[in-house]
Amino acid sequence: MYAIVEIAGQQFKVAKDQKVFVNRLSGEEGDSVSFDKVLLTGDGDNINLGAPAIDGALVGAKITRHLKGDKVIVFKKKRRKGYKKKNGHRQSLTEIVIESIDVKGGKKAASAKKEEAPKETKSDKKSEDLSQYTVAELKEMAKEKGLEGYSSMKKAELIEALS
């Protein structure tokens, strides 16, 4: 089982017992942290996709150590001017080990969405069907219906005129 989770502003694909280096997290070594912004989970062919995150899904991790990354040299130079600047940078990192991927709420949220879908009215379904078409196809439909001024209409206007 794997999950795509957002940690400290970056997205990582993680699996259980995997070591991940992320930007420095607050917390001591040995502390347990959990991340609730799980964007996707996968288990074989079963994939849960959040919009934008899966409700109730958690990824549990343990902070193993804080460290600094490799040094990055930043060298600036302007030729023929005698201008040279050399700077270095070491990113502060935290190594975490993924302990668990918990998807309790993910399946319930997906089933709730499926239940809500059939309750839509017929006019909503018709407008959804029209929104799937491209602007060129909508203009062709408007031409067949005999609408005037369809060539200068935008997609939303075309959908409104056709429904």
C-alpha atoms as a PDB file:
ATOM      1  CA  MET A   1       0.000   0.000   0.000  1.00  0.00           C
ATOM      2  CA  TYR A   2       1.229   3.486  -0.807  1.00  0.00           C
ATOM      3  CA  ALA A   3       0.026   7.044  -0.346  1.00  0.00           C
ATOM      4  CA  ILE A   4       0.803  10.454  -1.772  1.00  0.00           C
ATOM      5  CA  VAL A   5       0.943  12.869   1.154  1.00  0.00           C
ATOM      6  CA  GLU A   6       1.793  16.543   1.492  1.00  0.00           C
ATOM      7  CA  ILE A   7       4.479  17.148   4.126  1.00  0.00           C
ATOM      8  CA  ALA A   8       5.834  20.644   4.807  1.00  0.00           C
ATOM      9  CA  GLY A   9       4.541  21.979   1.495  1.00  0.00           C
ATOM     10  CA  GLN A  10       5.960  19.157  -0.653  1.00  0.00           C
ATOM     11  CA  GLN A  11       4.299  16.002  -1.969  1.00  0.00           C
ATOM     12  CA  PHE A  12       5.857  12.591  -1.329  1.00  0.00           C
ATOM     13  CA  LYS A  13       4.907   9.081  -2.405  1.00  0.00           C
ATOM     14  CA  VAL A  14       5.341   6.993   0.729  1.00  0.00           C
ATOM     15  CA  ALA A  15       4.922   3.367   1.790  1.00  0.00           C
ATOM     16  CA  LYS A  16       5.058   1.698   5.190  1.00  0.00           C
ATOM     17  CA  ASP A  17       8.564   1.453   6.773  1.00  0.00           C
ATOM     18  CA  GLN A  18      10.015   3.868   4.192  1.00  0.00           C
ATOM     19  CA  LYS A  19      12.585   6.503   5.190  1.00  0.00           C
ATOM     20  CA  VAL A  20      11.888  10.000   3.862  1.00  0.00           C
ATOM     21  CA  PHE A  21      13.953  13.181   4.125  1.00  0.00           C
ATOM     22  CA  VAL A  22      11.694  16.236   4.456  1.00  0.00           C
ATOM     23  CA  ASN A  23      12.242  19.909   5.299  1.00  0.00           C
ATOM     24  CA  ARG A  24      12.876  20.464   9.008  1.00  0.00           C
ATOM     25  CA  LEU A  25       9.859  19.571  11.155  1.00  0.00           C
ATOM     26  CA  SER A  26       9.274  20.867  14.651  1.00  0.00           C
ATOM     27  CA  GLY A  27       9.586  18.085  17.193  1.00  0.00           C
ATOM     28  CA  GLU A  28      12.263  16.065  18.915  1.00  0.00           C
ATOM     29  CA  GLU A  29      13.905  12.869  17.752  1.00  0.00           C
ATOM     30  CA  GLY A  30      11.675   9.910  18.596  1.00  0.00           C
ATOM     31  CA  ASP A  31       8.437  11.952  18.452  1.00  0.00           C
ATOM     32  CA  SER A  32       5.510  10.611  16.452  1.00  0.00           C
ATOM     33  CA  VAL A  33       3.875  12.883  13.894  1.00  0.00           C
ATOM     34  CA  SER A  34       0.825  12.386  11.710  1.00  0.00           C
ATOM     35  CA  PHE A  35      -0.045  13.999   8.398  1.00  0.00           C
ATOM     36  CA  ASP A  36      -3.704  14.388   7.462  1.00  0.00           C
ATOM     37  CA  LYS A  37      -3.268  15.894   3.996  1.00  0.00           C
ATOM     38  CA  VAL A  38      -3.340  12.552   2.146  1.00  0.00           C
ATOM     39  CA  LEU A  39      -3.991  13.229  -1.536  1.00  0.00           C
ATOM     40  CA  LEU A  40      -4.128   9.657  -2.870  1.00  0.00           C
ATOM     41  CA  THR A  41      -3.895   6.116  -1.558  1.00  0.00           C
ATOM     42  CA  GLY A  42      -3.338   2.962  -3.547  1.00  0.00           C
ATOM     43  CA  ASP A  43      -3.479  -0.706  -2.710  1.00  0.00           C
ATOM     44  CA  GLY A  44      -3.033  -2.804  -5.824  1.00  0.00           C
ATOM     45  CA  ASP A  45      -5.861  -1.875  -8.205  1.00  0.00           C
ATOM     46  CA  ASN A  46      -7.855  -0.096  -5.466  1.00  0.00           C
ATOM     47  CA  ILE A  47      -7.085   3.647  -5.668  1.00  0.00           C
ATOM     48  CA  ASN A  48      -8.712   6.360  -3.527  1.00  0.00           C
ATOM     49  CA  LEU A  49      -8.366   9.891  -4.807  1.00  0.00           C
ATOM     50  CA  GLY A  50      -9.147  12.910  -2.648  1.00  0.00           C
ATOM     51  CA  ALA A  51     -10.562  16.238  -3.737  1.00  0.00           C
ATOM     52  CA  PRO A  52      -8.116  17.740  -2.734  1.00  0.00           C
ATOM     53  CA  ALA A  53      -7.468  15.478   0.282  1.00  0.00           C
ATOM     54  CA  ILE A  54      -9.052  12.258   1.536  1.00  0.00           C
ATOM     55  CA  ASP A  55     -11.213  12.932   4.610  1.00  0.00           C
ATOM     56  CA  GLY A  56     -10.160  10.934   7.655  1.00  0.00           C
ATOM     57  CA  ALA A  57      -6.999   9.480   6.122  1.00  0.00           C
ATOM     58  CA  LEU A  58      -3.805   9.717   8.166  1.00  0.00           C
ATOM     59  CA  VAL A  59      -0.162   8.861   7.611  1.00  0.00           C
ATOM     60  CA  GLY A  60       1.714   8.213  10.848  1.00  0.00           C
ATOM     61  CA  ALA A  61       5.465   8.718  11.033  1.00  0.00           C
ATOM     62  CA  LYS A  62       8.272   8.838  13.586  1.00  0.00           C
ATOM     63  CA  ILE A  63      11.085  11.409  13.564  1.00  0.00           C
ATOM     64  CA  THR A  64      14.373   9.505  13.562  1.00  0.00           C
ATOM     65  CA  ARG A  65      16.846  12.403  13.338  1.00  0.00           C
ATOM     66  CA  HIS A  66      17.459  16.000  12.339  1.00  0.00           C
ATOM     67  CA  LEU A  67      20.336  16.652   9.966  1.00  0.00           C
ATOM     68  CA  LYS A  68      21.726  19.011   7.355  1.00  0.00           C
ATOM     69  CA  GLY A  69      21.775  18.178   3.662  1.00  0.00           C
ATOM     70  CA  ASP A  70      24.760  18.330   1.345  1.00  0.00           C
ATOM     71  CA  LYS A  71      26.340  21.713   0.773  1.00  0.00           C
ATOM     72  CA  VAL A  72      25.203  23.529  -2.340  1.00  0.00           C
ATOM     73  CA  ILE A  73      27.665  26.040  -3.778  1.00  0.00           C
ATOM     74  CA  VAL A  74      26.194  29.210  -5.291  1.00  0.00           C
ATOM     75  CA  PHE A  75      28.797  30.956  -7.462  1.00  0.00           C
ATOM     76  CA  LYS A  76      27.998  34.215  -9.236  1.00  0.00           C
ATOM     77  CA  LYS A  77      30.342  35.836 -11.727  1.00  0.00           C
ATOM     78  CA  LYS A  78      30.231  38.621 -14.275  1.00  0.00           C
ATOM     79  CA  ARG A  79      32.937  38.211 -16.837  1.00  0.00           C
ATOM     80  CA  ARG A  80      35.483  40.935 -17.467  1.00  0.00           C
ATOM     81  CA  LYS A  81      34.254  42.945 -14.465  1.00  0.00           C
ATOM     82  CA  GLY A  82      36.127  41.312 -11.596  1.00  0.00           C
ATOM     83  CA  TYR A  83      32.834  40.383  -9.892  1.00  0.00           C
ATOM     84  CA  LYS A  84      32.777  37.049  -8.092  1.00  0.00           C
ATOM     85  CA  LYS A  85      30.546  35.909  -5.209  1.00  0.00           C
ATOM     86  CA  LYS A  86      30.701  32.465  -3.654  1.00  0.00           C
ATOM     87  CA  ASN A  87      28.053  31.373  -1.188  1.00  0.00           C
ATOM     88  CA  GLY A  88      27.136  28.006   0.255  1.00  0.00           C
ATOM     89  CA  HIS A  89      23.902  26.618   1.628  1.00  0.00           C
ATOM     90  CA  ARG A  90      22.990  23.519   3.626  1.00  0.00           C
ATOM     91  CA  GLN A  91      19.285  22.689   3.894  1.00  0.00           C
ATOM     92  CA  SER A  92      17.963  21.645   7.312  1.00  0.00           C
ATOM     93  CA  LEU A  93      16.276  18.259   6.962  1.00  0.00           C
ATOM     94  CA  THR A  94      14.389  15.771   9.102  1.00  0.00           C
ATOM     95  CA  GLU A  95      14.490  12.033   8.500  1.00  0.00           C
ATOM     96  CA  ILE A  96      11.179  10.322   9.191  1.00  0.00           C
ATOM     97  CA  VAL A  97      10.093   6.692   9.005  1.00  0.00           C
ATOM     98  CA  ILE A  98       6.534   6.015   7.864  1.00  0.00           C
ATOM     99  CA  GLU A  99       4.866   3.811  10.481  1.00  0.00           C
ATOM    100  CA  SER A 100       1.291   3.551   9.219  1.00  0.00           C
ATOM    101  CA  ILE A 101      -1.064   4.531   6.426  1.00  0.00           C
ATOM    102  CA  ASP A 102      -4.632   4.734   7.719  1.00  0.00           C
ATOM    103  CA  VAL A 103      -7.533   5.162   5.264  1.00  0.00           C
ATOM    104  CA  LYS A 104     -10.546   4.935   7.569  1.00  0.00           C
ATOM    105  CA  GLY A 105     -12.510   7.872   6.177  1.00  0.00           C
ATOM    106  CA  GLY A 106     -11.472   7.602   2.536  1.00  0.00           C
ATOM    107  CA  LYS A 107     -13.903   4.893   1.440  1.00  0.00           C
ATOM    108  CA  LYS A 108     -16.828   6.447   3.302  1.00  0.00           C
ATOM    109  CA  ALA A 109     -16.305   9.774   1.579  1.00  0.00           C
ATOM    110  CA  ALA A 110     -16.245   8.069  -1.824  1.00  0.00           C
ATOM    111  CA  SER A 111     -19.463   6.158  -1.133  1.00  0.00           C
ATOM    112  CA  ALA A 112     -21.201   9.323   0.122  1.00  0.00           C
ATOM    113  CA  LYS A 113     -20.375  11.049  -3.155  1.00  0.00           C
ATOM    114  CA  LYS A 114     -21.864   8.146  -5.117  1.00  0.00           C
ATOM    115  CA  GLU A 115     -25.099   8.384  -3.139  1.00  0.00           C
ATOM    116  CA  GLU A 116     -25.437  12.112  -3.806  1.00  0.00           C
ATOM    117  CA  ALA A 117     -24.956  11.783  -7.562  1.00  0.00           C
ATOM    118  CA  PRO A 118     -28.310  10.119  -8.453  1.00  0.00           C
ATOM    119  CA  LYS A 119     -30.294  12.846  -6.616  1.00  0.00           C
ATOM    120  CA  GLU A 120     -29.526  15.437  -9.326  1.00  0.00           C
ATOM    121  CA  THR A 121     -32.336  16.808 -11.458  1.00  0.00           C
ATOM    122  CA  LYS A 122     -32.608  16.249 -15.188  1.00  0.00           C
ATOM    123  CA  SER A 123     -31.645  19.836 -16.025  1.00  0.00           C
ATOM    124  CA  ASP A 124     -28.396  19.436 -14.071  1.00  0.00           C
ATOM    125  CA  LYS A 125     -27.588  16.263 -16.006  1.00  0.00           C
ATOM    126  CA  LYS A 126     -28.262  18.000 -19.301  1.00  0.00           C
ATOM    127  CA  SER A 127     -25.996  20.932 -18.420  1.00  0.00           C
ATOM    128  CA  GLU A 128     -23.293  18.495 -17.289  1.00  0.00           C
ATOM    129  CA  ASP A 129     -23.576  16.682 -20.607  1.00  0.00           C
ATOM    130  CA  LEU A 130     -23.154  19.980 -22.444  1.00  0.00           C
ATOM    131  CA  SER A 131     -20.156  20.968 -20.335  1.00  0.00           C
ATOM    132  CA  GLN A 132     -18.327  17.874 -21.553  1.00  0.00           C
ATOM    133  CA  TYR A 133     -18.358  19.134 -25.141  1.00  0.00           C
ATOM    134  CA  THR A 134     -15.757  21.445 -26.634  1.00  0.00           C
ATOM    135  CA  VAL A 135     -16.626  24.982 -27.727  1.00  0.00           C
ATOM    136  CA  ALA A 136     -16.477  23.955 -31.392  1.00  0.00           C
ATOM    137  CA  GLU A 137     -18.964  21.130 -30.788  1.00  0.00           C
ATOM    138  CA  LEU A 138     -21.278  23.464 -28.852  1.00  0.00           C
ATOM    139  CA  LYS A 139     -21.160  26.000 -31.703  1.00  0.00           C
ATOM    140  CA  GLU A 140     -22.082  23.235 -34.145  1.00  0.00           C
ATOM    141  CA  MET A 141     -25.071  22.293 -31.956  1.00  0.00           C
ATOM    142  CA  ALA A 142     -26.151  25.945 -31.797  1.00  0.00           C
ATOM    143  CA  LYS A 143     -25.915  26.166 -35.592  1.00  0.00           C
ATOM    144  CA  GLU A 144     -28.119  23.069 -35.946  1.00  0.00           C
ATOM    145  CA  LYS A 145     -30.697  24.529 -33.523  1.00  0.00           C
ATOM    146  CA  GLY A 146     -30.750  27.790 -35.473  1.00  0.00           C
ATOM    147  CA  LEU A 147     -29.435  30.093 -32.738  1.00  0.00           C
ATOM    148  CA  GLU A 148     -28.088  33.440 -33.894  1.00  0.00           C
ATOM    149  CA  GLY A 149     -24.839  35.018 -32.699  1.00  0.00           C
ATOM    150  CA  TYR A 150     -23.343  31.712 -31.585  1.00  0.00           C
ATOM    151  CA  SER A 151     -19.975  32.479 -33.186  1.00  0.00           C
ATOM    152  CA  SER A 152     -19.145  35.180 -30.608  1.00  0.00           C
ATOM    153  CA  MET A 153     -20.492  33.281 -27.564  1.00  0.00           C
ATOM    154  CA  LYS A 154     -18.282  31.810 -24.869  1.00  0.00           C
ATOM    155  CA  LYS A 155     -18.671  28.246 -23.612  1.00  0.00           C
ATOM    156  CA  ALA A 156     -20.869  29.183 -20.621  1.00  0.00           C
ATOM    157  CA  GLU A 157     -23.144  31.286 -22.858  1.00  0.00           C
ATOM    158  CA  LEU A 158     -23.452  28.467 -25.361  1.00  0.00           C
ATOM    159  CA  ILE A 159     -24.394  25.971 -22.632  1.00  0.00           C
ATOM    160  CA  GLU A 160     -27.008  28.390 -21.261  1.00  0.00           C
ATOM    161  CA  ALA A 161     -28.477  29.026 -24.723  1.00  0.00           C
ATOM    162  CA  LEU A 162     -28.641  25.322 -25.605  1.00  0.00           C
ATOM    163  CA  SER A 163     -30.226  24.192 -22.316  1.00  0.00           C
END
